[in-house]
Amino acid sequence: MTLNTYLTFEDNCREAFEFYRSVFGGEFSELQTFGDGPPDMGVPEEAKSFIMHVSLPIGESVLMGSDSNPAFGGPVVGNNFSISYSPPSREDADEKFAALAAGGEVSMPMADMFWGSYFGSCVDRFGISWQINWQPPEATEPDH
């Protein structure tokens, strides 16, 4: 079973996902605009270049998103969620955190935490909340 995150933006989904791709690497597995849809979708001309769906594989997960379509009504980014990233190393944690926080706001700087993880949180320049949580490998007990 997999749980993936889907983000909705007003009109800057492409910019946000290009940024996420620069942070995490990889290529989009899907990228469609509203203009790629059938004509009967009723998309206004000014929204046809907006992203209807984008998928960016990250490890075993997929970050997905779209712009809201004014023809369907739409909200947008809320603050009732965070994306949690579990990096493979402390160095990767620092690298991803610095990239995500650039132009955004640091909520909690990266630091060793009482629960044993190296953790930090930030809001990126697109208003998305991120939690970076690196769990060091368990120390091996010496034989007695």
C-alpha atoms as a PDB file:
ATOM      1  CA  MET A   1       0.000   0.000   0.000  1.00  0.00           C
ATOM      2  CA  THR A   2       1.237   3.492  -0.832  1.00  0.00           C
ATOM      3  CA  LEU A   3       0.098   6.878   0.389  1.00  0.00           C
ATOM      4  CA  ASN A   4       0.998   9.792  -1.888  1.00  0.00           C
ATOM      5  CA  THR A   5       0.462  13.526  -1.537  1.00  0.00           C
ATOM      6  CA  TYR A   6      -1.576  15.592  -4.013  1.00  0.00           C
ATOM      7  CA  LEU A   7      -1.177  19.388  -3.947  1.00  0.00           C
ATOM      8  CA  THR A   8      -3.470  21.971  -5.542  1.00  0.00           C
ATOM      9  CA  PHE A   9      -2.213  25.404  -6.566  1.00  0.00           C
ATOM     10  CA  GLU A  10      -3.929  28.495  -7.955  1.00  0.00           C
ATOM     11  CA  ASP A  11      -1.808  28.992 -11.068  1.00  0.00           C
ATOM     12  CA  ASN A  12       1.814  28.201 -10.193  1.00  0.00           C
ATOM     13  CA  CYS A  13       1.831  24.399 -10.100  1.00  0.00           C
ATOM     14  CA  ARG A  14       4.357  24.184 -12.939  1.00  0.00           C
ATOM     15  CA  GLU A  15       6.750  26.546 -11.138  1.00  0.00           C
ATOM     16  CA  ALA A  16       6.337  24.660  -7.856  1.00  0.00           C
ATOM     17  CA  PHE A  17       6.948  21.251  -9.438  1.00  0.00           C
ATOM     18  CA  GLU A  18       9.971  22.460 -11.391  1.00  0.00           C
ATOM     19  CA  PHE A  19      11.309  23.599  -8.025  1.00  0.00           C
ATOM     20  CA  TYR A  20      10.523  20.231  -6.350  1.00  0.00           C
ATOM     21  CA  ARG A  21      12.213  18.441  -9.255  1.00  0.00           C
ATOM     22  CA  SER A  22      15.317  20.618  -8.725  1.00  0.00           C
ATOM     23  CA  VAL A  23      15.325  19.652  -5.038  1.00  0.00           C
ATOM     24  CA  PHE A  24      14.632  15.908  -5.313  1.00  0.00           C
ATOM     25  CA  GLY A  25      15.812  15.141  -8.849  1.00  0.00           C
ATOM     26  CA  GLY A  26      14.107  12.759 -11.223  1.00  0.00           C
ATOM     27  CA  GLU A  27      11.684  13.335 -14.052  1.00  0.00           C
ATOM     28  CA  PHE A  28       7.943  13.840 -14.222  1.00  0.00           C
ATOM     29  CA  SER A  29       6.144  10.598 -14.962  1.00  0.00           C
ATOM     30  CA  GLU A  30       3.077  12.568 -16.072  1.00  0.00           C
ATOM     31  CA  LEU A  31       2.524  16.197 -17.017  1.00  0.00           C
ATOM     32  CA  GLN A  32      -0.731  17.392 -18.609  1.00  0.00           C
ATOM     33  CA  THR A  33      -2.284  20.819 -18.940  1.00  0.00           C
ATOM     34  CA  PHE A  34      -6.001  21.602 -18.958  1.00  0.00           C
ATOM     35  CA  GLY A  35      -5.526  22.389 -22.642  1.00  0.00           C
ATOM     36  CA  ASP A  36      -4.634  18.706 -23.173  1.00  0.00           C
ATOM     37  CA  GLY A  37      -8.145  17.705 -22.052  1.00  0.00           C
ATOM     38  CA  PRO A  38     -11.186  17.322 -24.278  1.00  0.00           C
ATOM     39  CA  PRO A  39     -12.850  20.516 -25.548  1.00  0.00           C
ATOM     40  CA  ASP A  40     -16.051  19.802 -23.606  1.00  0.00           C
ATOM     41  CA  MET A  41     -14.244  20.254 -20.267  1.00  0.00           C
ATOM     42  CA  GLY A  42     -15.240  23.918 -20.400  1.00  0.00           C
ATOM     43  CA  VAL A  43     -11.814  25.272 -19.510  1.00  0.00           C
ATOM     44  CA  PRO A  44     -11.435  29.018 -20.060  1.00  0.00           C
ATOM     45  CA  GLU A  45      -8.771  29.970 -22.595  1.00  0.00           C
ATOM     46  CA  GLU A  46      -6.629  31.654 -19.907  1.00  0.00           C
ATOM     47  CA  ALA A  47      -6.496  28.397 -17.897  1.00  0.00           C
ATOM     48  CA  LYS A  48      -5.541  25.998 -20.707  1.00  0.00           C
ATOM     49  CA  SER A  49      -1.828  26.293 -19.874  1.00  0.00           C
ATOM     50  CA  PHE A  50      -2.481  25.485 -16.195  1.00  0.00           C
ATOM     51  CA  ILE A  51      -1.411  22.055 -14.961  1.00  0.00           C
ATOM     52  CA  MET A  52      -4.222  19.497 -14.890  1.00  0.00           C
ATOM     53  CA  HIS A  53      -1.981  16.752 -13.472  1.00  0.00           C
ATOM     54  CA  VAL A  54       1.710  16.288 -12.713  1.00  0.00           C
ATOM     55  CA  SER A  55       3.453  13.348 -11.018  1.00  0.00           C
ATOM     56  CA  LEU A  56       6.997  13.403  -9.646  1.00  0.00           C
ATOM     57  CA  PRO A  57       8.287  10.069  -8.323  1.00  0.00           C
ATOM     58  CA  ILE A  58      10.411  10.543  -5.185  1.00  0.00           C
ATOM     59  CA  GLY A  59      11.832   7.293  -3.875  1.00  0.00           C
ATOM     60  CA  GLU A  60       8.910   4.896  -3.472  1.00  0.00           C
ATOM     61  CA  SER A  61       6.389   7.750  -3.288  1.00  0.00           C
ATOM     62  CA  VAL A  62       4.877  10.094  -5.834  1.00  0.00           C
ATOM     63  CA  LEU A  63       4.277  13.803  -5.287  1.00  0.00           C
ATOM     64  CA  MET A  64       1.337  14.878  -7.443  1.00  0.00           C
ATOM     65  CA  GLY A  65      -0.361  18.152  -8.128  1.00  0.00           C
ATOM     66  CA  SER A  66      -2.484  20.416 -10.277  1.00  0.00           C
ATOM     67  CA  ASP A  67      -3.662  23.965 -10.590  1.00  0.00           C
ATOM     68  CA  SER A  68      -7.246  24.638  -9.645  1.00  0.00           C
ATOM     69  CA  ASN A  69      -9.422  25.156 -12.688  1.00  0.00           C
ATOM     70  CA  PRO A  70     -11.507  28.332 -12.417  1.00  0.00           C
ATOM     71  CA  ALA A  71     -14.299  26.545 -14.308  1.00  0.00           C
ATOM     72  CA  PHE A  72     -14.580  24.007 -11.460  1.00  0.00           C
ATOM     73  CA  GLY A  73     -14.252  26.475  -8.600  1.00  0.00           C
ATOM     74  CA  GLY A  74     -11.330  25.890  -6.440  1.00  0.00           C
ATOM     75  CA  PRO A  75      -9.502  26.602  -3.333  1.00  0.00           C
ATOM     76  CA  VAL A  76      -6.314  26.307  -2.766  1.00  0.00           C
ATOM     77  CA  VAL A  77      -3.318  25.662  -0.577  1.00  0.00           C
ATOM     78  CA  GLY A  78      -4.263  25.088   3.044  1.00  0.00           C
ATOM     79  CA  ASN A  79      -2.172  24.855   6.159  1.00  0.00           C
ATOM     80  CA  ASN A  80      -3.695  21.708   7.606  1.00  0.00           C
ATOM     81  CA  PHE A  81      -1.012  19.347   6.289  1.00  0.00           C
ATOM     82  CA  SER A  82       2.725  18.852   5.934  1.00  0.00           C
ATOM     83  CA  ILE A  83       4.713  16.695   3.580  1.00  0.00           C
ATOM     84  CA  SER A  84       7.136  14.525   5.504  1.00  0.00           C
ATOM     85  CA  TYR A  85      10.381  13.518   3.790  1.00  0.00           C
ATOM     86  CA  SER A  86      12.587  10.751   5.228  1.00  0.00           C
ATOM     87  CA  PRO A  87      16.029  11.273   3.680  1.00  0.00           C
ATOM     88  CA  PRO A  88      18.662   8.543   3.312  1.00  0.00           C
ATOM     89  CA  SER A  89      21.337  10.523   5.182  1.00  0.00           C
ATOM     90  CA  ARG A  90      21.908  13.468   7.497  1.00  0.00           C
ATOM     91  CA  GLU A  91      23.679  15.280   4.655  1.00  0.00           C
ATOM     92  CA  ASP A  92      20.688  14.780   2.355  1.00  0.00           C
ATOM     93  CA  ALA A  93      18.426  16.082   5.142  1.00  0.00           C
ATOM     94  CA  ASP A  94      20.459  19.293   5.355  1.00  0.00           C
ATOM     95  CA  GLU A  95      20.604  19.676   1.572  1.00  0.00           C
ATOM     96  CA  LYS A  96      16.868  19.170   1.000  1.00  0.00           C
ATOM     97  CA  PHE A  97      15.939  21.347   3.985  1.00  0.00           C
ATOM     98  CA  ALA A  98      18.107  24.246   2.768  1.00  0.00           C
ATOM     99  CA  ALA A  99      16.638  24.007  -0.731  1.00  0.00           C
ATOM    100  CA  LEU A 100      13.030  23.789   0.458  1.00  0.00           C
ATOM    101  CA  ALA A 101      13.436  26.623   2.988  1.00  0.00           C
ATOM    102  CA  ALA A 102      15.092  28.997   0.488  1.00  0.00           C
ATOM    103  CA  GLY A 103      12.660  31.828  -0.113  1.00  0.00           C
ATOM    104  CA  GLY A 104      10.273  30.341   2.424  1.00  0.00           C
ATOM    105  CA  GLU A 105      10.202  30.260   6.209  1.00  0.00           C
ATOM    106  CA  VAL A 106      11.952  27.984   8.688  1.00  0.00           C
ATOM    107  CA  SER A 107       9.542  26.799  11.382  1.00  0.00           C
ATOM    108  CA  MET A 108      12.070  24.624  13.209  1.00  0.00           C
ATOM    109  CA  PRO A 109      15.730  24.435  12.145  1.00  0.00           C
ATOM    110  CA  MET A 110      17.279  21.026  11.578  1.00  0.00           C
ATOM    111  CA  ALA A 111      18.428  19.636  14.940  1.00  0.00           C
ATOM    112  CA  ASP A 112      18.853  16.397  16.869  1.00  0.00           C
ATOM    113  CA  MET A 113      15.571  15.656  18.633  1.00  0.00           C
ATOM    114  CA  PHE A 114      14.687  13.925  21.878  1.00  0.00           C
ATOM    115  CA  TRP A 115      13.009  11.075  19.975  1.00  0.00           C
ATOM    116  CA  GLY A 116      16.303  10.207  18.284  1.00  0.00           C
ATOM    117  CA  SER A 117      15.759  11.783  14.865  1.00  0.00           C
ATOM    118  CA  TYR A 118      17.407  14.692  13.117  1.00  0.00           C
ATOM    119  CA  PHE A 119      14.399  16.881  12.311  1.00  0.00           C
ATOM    120  CA  GLY A 120      13.378  20.251  10.960  1.00  0.00           C
ATOM    121  CA  SER A 121      10.332  21.888   9.432  1.00  0.00           C
ATOM    122  CA  CYS A 122       9.767  24.746   7.027  1.00  0.00           C
ATOM    123  CA  VAL A 123       7.229  26.303   4.706  1.00  0.00           C
ATOM    124  CA  ASP A 124       8.491  26.589   1.138  1.00  0.00           C
ATOM    125  CA  ARG A 125       8.022  29.647  -1.052  1.00  0.00           C
ATOM    126  CA  PHE A 126       4.784  28.153  -2.393  1.00  0.00           C
ATOM    127  CA  GLY A 127       3.186  27.883   1.069  1.00  0.00           C
ATOM    128  CA  ILE A 128       3.691  24.113   1.405  1.00  0.00           C
ATOM    129  CA  SER A 129       4.735  22.837   4.847  1.00  0.00           C
ATOM    130  CA  TRP A 130       7.570  20.297   4.932  1.00  0.00           C
ATOM    131  CA  GLN A 131       8.957  18.083   7.689  1.00  0.00           C
ATOM    132  CA  ILE A 132      12.388  16.550   7.176  1.00  0.00           C
ATOM    133  CA  ASN A 133      12.982  13.604   9.503  1.00  0.00           C
ATOM    134  CA  TRP A 134      16.198  11.575   9.290  1.00  0.00           C
ATOM    135  CA  GLN A 135      16.315   8.548  11.557  1.00  0.00           C
ATOM    136  CA  PRO A 136      19.927   7.435  12.122  1.00  0.00           C
ATOM    137  CA  PRO A 137      20.608   3.720  11.782  1.00  0.00           C
ATOM    138  CA  GLU A 138      20.334   1.864  15.060  1.00  0.00           C
ATOM    139  CA  ALA A 139      23.638   1.654  16.870  1.00  0.00           C
ATOM    140  CA  THR A 140      24.815  -1.889  17.057  1.00  0.00           C
ATOM    141  CA  GLU A 141      25.301  -3.268  20.522  1.00  0.00           C
ATOM    142  CA  PRO A 142      28.742  -4.763  21.171  1.00  0.00           C
ATOM    143  CA  ASP A 143      28.743  -8.455  22.004  1.00  0.00           C
ATOM    144  CA  HIS A 144      29.056  -9.147  25.725  1.00  0.00           C
END
